[in-house]
Protein backbone atom coordinates (compact mmCIF):
# COMPACT_ATOMS: atom_id res chain seq x y z
CA MET A 1 -23.52 -71.25 -224.64
CA PRO A 2 -27.21 -71.95 -225.03
CA ILE A 3 -26.49 -75.70 -224.50
CA LEU A 4 -24.53 -75.08 -221.20
CA HIS A 5 -27.28 -72.89 -219.87
CA LEU A 6 -29.94 -75.57 -220.44
CA ALA A 7 -27.83 -78.23 -218.63
CA THR A 8 -27.32 -75.97 -215.67
CA LEU A 9 -31.04 -75.19 -215.49
CA ARG A 10 -31.86 -78.92 -215.52
CA ASP A 11 -29.44 -79.67 -212.69
CA ALA A 12 -30.93 -76.88 -210.58
CA THR A 13 -34.42 -78.25 -211.12
CA VAL A 14 -33.37 -81.73 -209.93
CA ALA A 15 -31.69 -80.26 -206.85
CA VAL A 16 -34.84 -78.30 -205.93
CA ALA A 17 -36.90 -81.48 -206.27
CA HIS A 18 -34.56 -83.33 -203.89
CA ILE A 19 -34.77 -80.48 -201.38
CA VAL A 20 -38.58 -80.55 -201.53
CA ASP A 21 -38.63 -84.32 -200.90
CA LEU A 22 -36.28 -83.93 -197.94
CA ALA A 23 -38.50 -81.18 -196.50
CA ASN A 24 -41.54 -83.46 -196.82
CA VAL A 25 -39.73 -86.27 -194.91
CA ILE A 26 -38.69 -83.85 -192.15
CA ALA A 27 -42.24 -82.47 -191.87
CA LEU A 28 -43.71 -86.00 -191.65
CA ALA A 29 -41.24 -87.00 -188.92
CA PHE A 30 -42.02 -83.87 -186.93
CA ALA A 31 -45.76 -84.51 -187.21
CA GLN A 32 -45.34 -88.08 -185.88
CA SER A 33 -43.23 -86.83 -182.94
CA VAL A 34 -45.85 -84.27 -182.02
CA ALA A 35 -48.58 -86.92 -182.13
CA LEU A 36 -46.61 -89.26 -179.82
CA LEU A 37 -46.01 -86.49 -177.29
CA ALA A 38 -49.71 -85.65 -177.27
CA LEU A 39 -50.71 -89.25 -176.52
CA SER A 40 -48.13 -89.90 -173.70
CA PRO A 41 -49.06 -88.83 -170.01
CA SER A 42 -47.49 -85.65 -168.89
CA PRO A 43 -44.93 -86.13 -166.03
CA GLU A 44 -45.66 -84.58 -162.60
CA PRO A 45 -43.54 -81.57 -161.89
CA ALA A 46 -40.63 -82.34 -159.51
CA PRO A 47 -40.98 -80.75 -156.05
CA ASP A 48 -38.93 -77.71 -155.42
CA ALA A 49 -35.92 -78.89 -153.41
CA THR A 50 -34.87 -75.40 -152.53
CA PRO A 51 -35.14 -75.07 -148.71
CA GLU A 52 -37.30 -72.28 -147.39
CA PRO A 53 -35.41 -69.67 -145.47
CA ALA A 54 -35.63 -70.12 -141.69
CA PRO A 55 -37.68 -67.46 -139.89
CA PRO A 56 -35.60 -64.93 -138.05
CA ALA A 57 -34.85 -65.86 -134.43
CA ALA A 58 -37.03 -64.03 -131.96
CA SER A 59 -35.29 -61.86 -129.46
CA ALA A 60 -35.30 -62.60 -125.71
CA GLU A 61 -37.85 -59.85 -125.14
CA GLU A 62 -40.30 -61.30 -127.67
CA VAL A 63 -40.24 -64.94 -126.24
CA THR A 64 -43.22 -65.54 -123.94
CA PRO A 65 -44.01 -68.90 -122.22
CA ALA A 66 -46.96 -70.82 -123.60
CA PRO A 67 -49.90 -71.10 -121.21
CA ALA A 68 -50.24 -74.50 -119.45
CA PRO A 69 -53.10 -76.61 -120.80
CA GLU A 70 -56.14 -76.73 -118.58
CA PRO A 71 -56.87 -80.20 -117.10
CA SER A 72 -59.67 -81.86 -118.91
CA ALA A 73 -62.70 -82.88 -116.92
CA ALA A 74 -62.77 -86.55 -115.89
CA PRO A 75 -65.30 -88.64 -117.79
CA PRO A 76 -68.43 -89.44 -115.83
CA PRO A 77 -68.41 -92.88 -114.18
CA ALA A 78 -70.15 -95.66 -115.99
CA ALA A 79 -73.56 -96.83 -114.92
CA GLY A 80 -73.48 -99.03 -111.87
CA GLY A 81 -71.19 -96.99 -109.64
CA PHE A 82 -67.81 -95.35 -109.75
CA GLY A 83 -65.35 -97.51 -111.61
CA SER A 84 -67.74 -100.46 -111.83
CA VAL A 85 -67.64 -102.97 -114.64
CA GLU A 86 -70.94 -104.27 -115.87
CA ALA A 87 -69.69 -107.02 -118.14
CA ILE A 88 -66.45 -108.49 -119.38
CA THR A 89 -66.36 -110.58 -122.50
CA THR A 90 -63.40 -112.82 -123.14
CA SER A 91 -62.63 -115.17 -125.95
CA SER A 92 -60.14 -117.99 -126.34
CA ASN A 93 -58.99 -120.15 -129.14
CA VAL A 94 -58.13 -123.05 -126.83
CA HIS A 95 -60.82 -125.74 -126.98
CA GLY A 96 -61.10 -129.38 -126.07
CA LEU A 97 -58.00 -129.67 -123.91
CA PRO A 98 -58.06 -132.89 -121.86
CA ALA A 99 -58.31 -132.62 -118.09
CA PRO A 100 -54.95 -133.00 -116.34
CA ALA A 101 -54.32 -136.48 -115.06
CA LEU A 102 -54.44 -136.78 -111.27
CA GLU A 103 -52.20 -139.00 -109.26
CA PRO A 104 -53.99 -141.48 -107.01
CA GLY A 105 -55.19 -139.63 -104.00
CA GLU A 106 -54.94 -136.09 -105.44
CA ASP A 107 -58.75 -135.89 -105.85
CA GLY A 108 -59.18 -136.63 -102.12
CA GLU A 109 -61.26 -139.76 -102.73
CA ASP A 110 -58.51 -142.08 -101.36
CA GLU A 111 -57.42 -139.55 -98.67
CA GLU A 112 -60.54 -139.18 -96.57
CA GLY A 113 -59.56 -138.64 -92.97
CA PRO A 114 -56.17 -139.36 -91.39
CA ARG A 115 -53.99 -142.21 -92.54
CA HIS A 116 -54.76 -144.28 -89.44
CA GLU A 117 -57.89 -145.91 -88.02
CA ILE A 118 -59.36 -146.69 -84.60
CA SER A 119 -61.81 -149.48 -83.84
CA ALA A 120 -63.88 -150.22 -80.73
CA ARG A 121 -65.96 -153.33 -81.26
CA ALA A 122 -68.43 -154.61 -78.68
CA GLU A 123 -69.11 -158.34 -79.02
CA ALA A 124 -71.68 -160.68 -77.55
CA GLY A 125 -72.33 -164.37 -78.11
CA TYR A 126 -72.16 -167.93 -76.84
CA ALA A 127 -69.14 -169.80 -75.41
CA GLN A 128 -68.26 -173.38 -74.43
CA THR A 129 -65.45 -174.36 -72.05
CA ASN A 130 -63.59 -177.56 -71.21
CA LEU A 131 -62.45 -177.77 -67.57
CA GLY A 132 -60.63 -181.08 -67.94
CA ASN A 133 -63.62 -183.36 -67.51
CA ALA A 134 -64.25 -186.57 -69.37
CA GLU A 135 -67.23 -184.99 -71.15
CA GLY A 136 -65.01 -182.36 -72.78
CA LEU A 137 -66.80 -179.11 -73.61
CA ASP A 138 -69.41 -179.55 -70.89
CA HIS A 139 -69.64 -175.94 -69.62
CA HIS A 140 -71.24 -173.09 -71.51
CA GLY A 141 -72.46 -169.56 -71.01
CA LEU A 142 -72.69 -165.98 -72.15
CA PHE A 143 -69.71 -164.47 -73.95
CA LEU A 144 -68.92 -160.71 -73.86
CA ARG A 145 -65.91 -158.82 -75.17
CA LEU A 146 -64.76 -155.25 -75.76
CA HIS A 147 -61.94 -155.02 -78.30
CA LEU A 148 -60.08 -151.73 -78.91
CA VAL A 149 -57.69 -151.59 -81.88
CA PHE A 150 -55.45 -148.84 -83.22
CA TYR A 151 -54.31 -149.20 -86.83
CA PRO A 152 -51.21 -146.98 -87.34
CA TRP A 153 -50.38 -148.53 -90.71
CA VAL A 154 -52.99 -148.22 -93.47
CA THR A 155 -52.33 -148.54 -97.20
CA LYS A 156 -53.18 -145.67 -99.53
CA GLN A 157 -56.26 -147.43 -100.91
CA ARG A 158 -57.25 -148.49 -97.35
CA GLN A 159 -57.50 -152.14 -98.36
CA VAL A 160 -54.86 -153.44 -95.93
CA ALA A 161 -54.11 -152.28 -92.40
CA GLY A 162 -52.09 -153.52 -89.45
CA GLY A 163 -52.70 -152.63 -85.83
CA ILE A 164 -52.35 -153.42 -82.17
CA GLY A 165 -55.17 -153.74 -79.67
CA ALA A 166 -56.28 -154.44 -76.15
CA LEU A 167 -59.36 -156.35 -75.04
CA TYR A 168 -61.36 -157.48 -72.07
CA SER A 169 -63.28 -160.73 -72.32
CA TYR A 170 -65.88 -162.37 -70.10
CA ALA A 171 -67.31 -165.86 -70.36
CA GLY A 172 -69.83 -167.57 -68.16
CA VAL A 173 -68.91 -171.13 -67.20
CA ASN A 174 -71.97 -173.15 -66.20
CA ARG A 175 -73.11 -176.77 -65.95
CA ARG A 176 -76.38 -177.74 -64.37
CA GLU A 177 -76.42 -181.51 -64.67
CA LEU A 178 -73.68 -183.13 -62.58
CA PRO A 179 -72.79 -186.78 -61.92
CA ASP A 180 -74.35 -188.49 -58.95
CA GLY A 181 -72.53 -188.02 -55.67
CA VAL A 182 -71.16 -184.57 -56.51
CA GLU A 183 -72.02 -182.20 -53.68
CA LEU A 184 -72.69 -179.19 -55.86
CA ASP A 185 -75.98 -177.71 -56.93
CA ALA A 186 -74.35 -176.47 -60.15
CA SER A 187 -70.91 -175.92 -61.55
CA GLU A 188 -70.50 -172.19 -61.97
CA ALA A 189 -67.66 -169.72 -62.53
CA GLN A 190 -66.88 -166.48 -64.25
CA GLN A 191 -63.87 -166.55 -66.53
CA GLN A 192 -62.23 -163.21 -67.34
CA GLN A 193 -59.35 -162.35 -69.62
CA ILE A 194 -57.26 -159.23 -70.25
CA MET A 195 -55.14 -159.47 -73.40
CA LEU A 196 -53.13 -157.61 -76.01
CA SER A 197 -53.68 -158.34 -79.69
CA ILE A 198 -51.99 -158.11 -83.06
CA ASN A 199 -54.57 -157.28 -85.72
CA LEU A 200 -54.75 -157.49 -89.49
CA LEU A 201 -57.44 -155.81 -91.59
CA LEU A 202 -58.14 -156.94 -95.16
CA ARG A 203 -60.80 -155.18 -97.27
CA PRO A 204 -61.70 -156.95 -100.52
CA HIS A 205 -64.47 -154.35 -100.75
CA PRO A 206 -64.07 -151.25 -98.54
CA GLU A 207 -67.79 -150.80 -98.00
CA TRP A 208 -69.32 -154.26 -97.99
CA PHE A 209 -66.79 -156.84 -96.84
CA SER A 210 -63.68 -157.04 -94.67
CA ILE A 211 -61.72 -159.83 -92.97
CA GLN A 212 -60.17 -159.12 -89.57
CA PRO A 213 -58.01 -161.87 -88.01
CA ALA A 214 -56.27 -161.29 -84.68
CA GLY A 215 -53.86 -163.11 -82.41
CA MET A 216 -53.77 -162.36 -78.68
CA ILE A 217 -51.99 -163.16 -75.43
CA GLY A 218 -52.57 -162.07 -71.85
CA LEU A 219 -53.75 -163.18 -68.43
CA GLY A 220 -56.87 -165.07 -67.43
CA PHE A 221 -58.47 -165.63 -64.05
CA TYR A 222 -61.69 -166.96 -62.46
CA SER A 223 -64.05 -165.55 -59.88
CA ASN A 224 -66.77 -167.27 -57.83
CA ALA A 225 -65.43 -170.56 -59.14
CA LYS A 226 -67.16 -173.57 -57.55
CA VAL A 227 -66.91 -175.96 -60.40
CA PHE A 228 -66.84 -179.53 -61.51
CA ALA A 229 -63.28 -179.72 -62.84
CA ALA A 230 -60.97 -182.67 -63.46
CA ASP A 231 -63.95 -184.97 -62.77
CA ARG A 232 -64.53 -183.79 -59.20
CA ALA A 233 -65.92 -180.90 -57.18
CA ALA A 234 -63.33 -178.20 -56.83
CA VAL A 235 -62.65 -174.52 -56.46
CA ILE A 236 -60.32 -172.19 -58.30
CA ARG A 237 -58.78 -169.48 -56.19
CA LYS A 238 -59.64 -165.97 -57.27
CA ASP A 239 -55.96 -164.98 -57.10
CA GLU A 240 -55.05 -167.74 -59.52
CA TYR A 241 -53.79 -166.10 -62.71
CA ALA A 242 -52.95 -168.08 -65.78
CA PHE A 243 -51.31 -167.28 -69.11
CA VAL A 244 -53.87 -167.21 -71.91
CA ALA A 245 -53.39 -167.30 -75.68
CA GLY A 246 -55.95 -167.27 -78.42
CA GLY A 247 -57.13 -166.05 -81.77
CA SER A 248 -60.26 -164.69 -83.39
CA LEU A 249 -61.69 -163.95 -86.79
CA ALA A 250 -64.25 -161.28 -87.66
CA LEU A 251 -66.12 -161.00 -90.97
CA CYS A 252 -67.55 -157.49 -91.25
CA THR A 253 -69.74 -155.44 -93.54
CA ALA A 254 -71.21 -151.92 -93.79
CA TRP A 255 -67.89 -150.05 -93.49
CA ASP A 256 -66.63 -152.59 -90.86
CA ILE A 257 -69.49 -151.72 -88.51
CA ALA A 258 -71.41 -155.02 -88.25
CA CYS A 259 -69.42 -158.22 -87.78
CA VAL A 260 -69.79 -161.94 -87.21
CA ILE A 261 -67.01 -163.13 -84.91
CA GLY A 262 -65.58 -166.42 -83.70
CA GLY A 263 -62.50 -167.56 -81.84
CA SER A 264 -60.83 -169.81 -79.32
CA GLU A 265 -58.65 -169.41 -76.20
CA VAL A 266 -56.71 -171.61 -73.85
CA LEU A 267 -55.57 -170.95 -70.27
CA LEU A 268 -52.43 -172.76 -69.22
CA ALA A 269 -51.78 -174.41 -65.85
CA VAL A 270 -54.82 -173.47 -63.80
CA GLU A 271 -54.72 -175.07 -60.35
CA THR A 272 -57.94 -176.56 -58.96
CA LEU A 273 -58.44 -177.65 -55.32
CA GLY A 274 -60.80 -180.53 -54.51
CA THR A 275 -63.60 -179.78 -52.02
CA GLN A 276 -65.11 -183.22 -51.48
CA ALA A 277 -63.51 -186.26 -49.93
CA PRO A 278 -61.78 -188.30 -50.95
CA THR A 279 -60.60 -186.00 -53.76
CA LEU A 280 -59.17 -183.12 -51.75
CA ASP A 281 -56.03 -182.96 -53.82
CA SER A 282 -54.73 -180.25 -56.10
CA ARG A 283 -54.95 -180.79 -59.84
CA VAL A 284 -53.77 -178.59 -62.72
CA VAL A 285 -55.94 -178.25 -65.78
CA ASP A 286 -55.69 -176.26 -69.05
CA PRO A 287 -59.17 -174.88 -69.64
CA TRP A 288 -59.91 -174.08 -73.24
CA GLY A 289 -62.95 -173.12 -75.20
CA TRP A 290 -64.46 -171.45 -78.22
CA HIS A 291 -66.98 -168.68 -78.80
CA VAL A 292 -69.16 -167.29 -81.57
CA GLY A 293 -71.22 -164.12 -81.73
CA ILE A 294 -71.82 -160.75 -83.34
CA GLY A 295 -70.03 -157.45 -82.96
CA ILE A 296 -70.84 -153.78 -83.47
CA ASP A 297 -68.05 -151.23 -83.92
CA VAL A 298 -69.09 -148.14 -81.97
CA LEU A 299 -66.24 -145.88 -83.09
CA ARG A 300 -66.80 -146.68 -86.76
CA ILE A 301 -70.46 -145.75 -86.38
CA MET A 302 -69.43 -142.38 -84.95
CA ALA A 303 -66.82 -141.83 -87.65
CA ARG A 304 -69.31 -142.68 -90.38
CA ALA A 305 -71.95 -140.39 -88.88
CA ASN A 306 -69.48 -137.47 -88.89
CA ARG A 307 -68.81 -137.97 -92.61
CA LEU A 308 -72.47 -137.94 -93.63
CA PRO A 309 -74.04 -134.56 -94.37
CA SER A 310 -76.34 -133.33 -91.65
């Protein structure tokens, strides 16, 4: 019996030791858990999702309309007058855009004035005439002409133009020295021509140089014609009209205002009547001649003056 009691007491002591060790482990684990909880941030409390009870509905007697808001006073006008704007500042991020390309003529430089032109050139110079004598161009005199031209067709750059015209021409026909035996103090006549023309205008440089050829046809006649023609003294009746054809060339400058001109004409089948025996017969001659001179375009002066600022 004493031996069994000692064994039982020893077993109980071992069991108590194991229980104490287990308690120590549990206490250590609990202490570590408490330390971790103390170091971690505390979570925010979740909002209360319980809806608040709705306020009781007011009865019809208790509902009163809300007063209308009073209109607010308008702000005083800015300095400078009612509704005025002193300054406006704008900004843009678009810079350096190229200017739009213009078609020829859109800037107005090639479109000055209407697309047609009118010319009125007054000419003066010297002329020589052949009346069918052996000496040839033995008569000479003053040359005058007024030439009106309308150019309905003009190119866009105004370098080429075509037109039609009308002109009046005068030429003095004179010869002072006559062969011996001719019963005339002098051979004198006044040759006049009325013609229509076809004109061409070429401008290598619109301001400083232009070329203006023209071809013309019409009628020619003489007045006060007591002349030495077909190698004898003769007269040309004033009602004697002859077909005339000719051409001229003008070289112009200063916007076609000032020109140097030259040309030639021929009258066909002009009848002359002898006035001195024994040559009292009728003879037909084809007087022709040439002229040279200068011309001033009056209408172009007026057109240019209207374009210049006053």
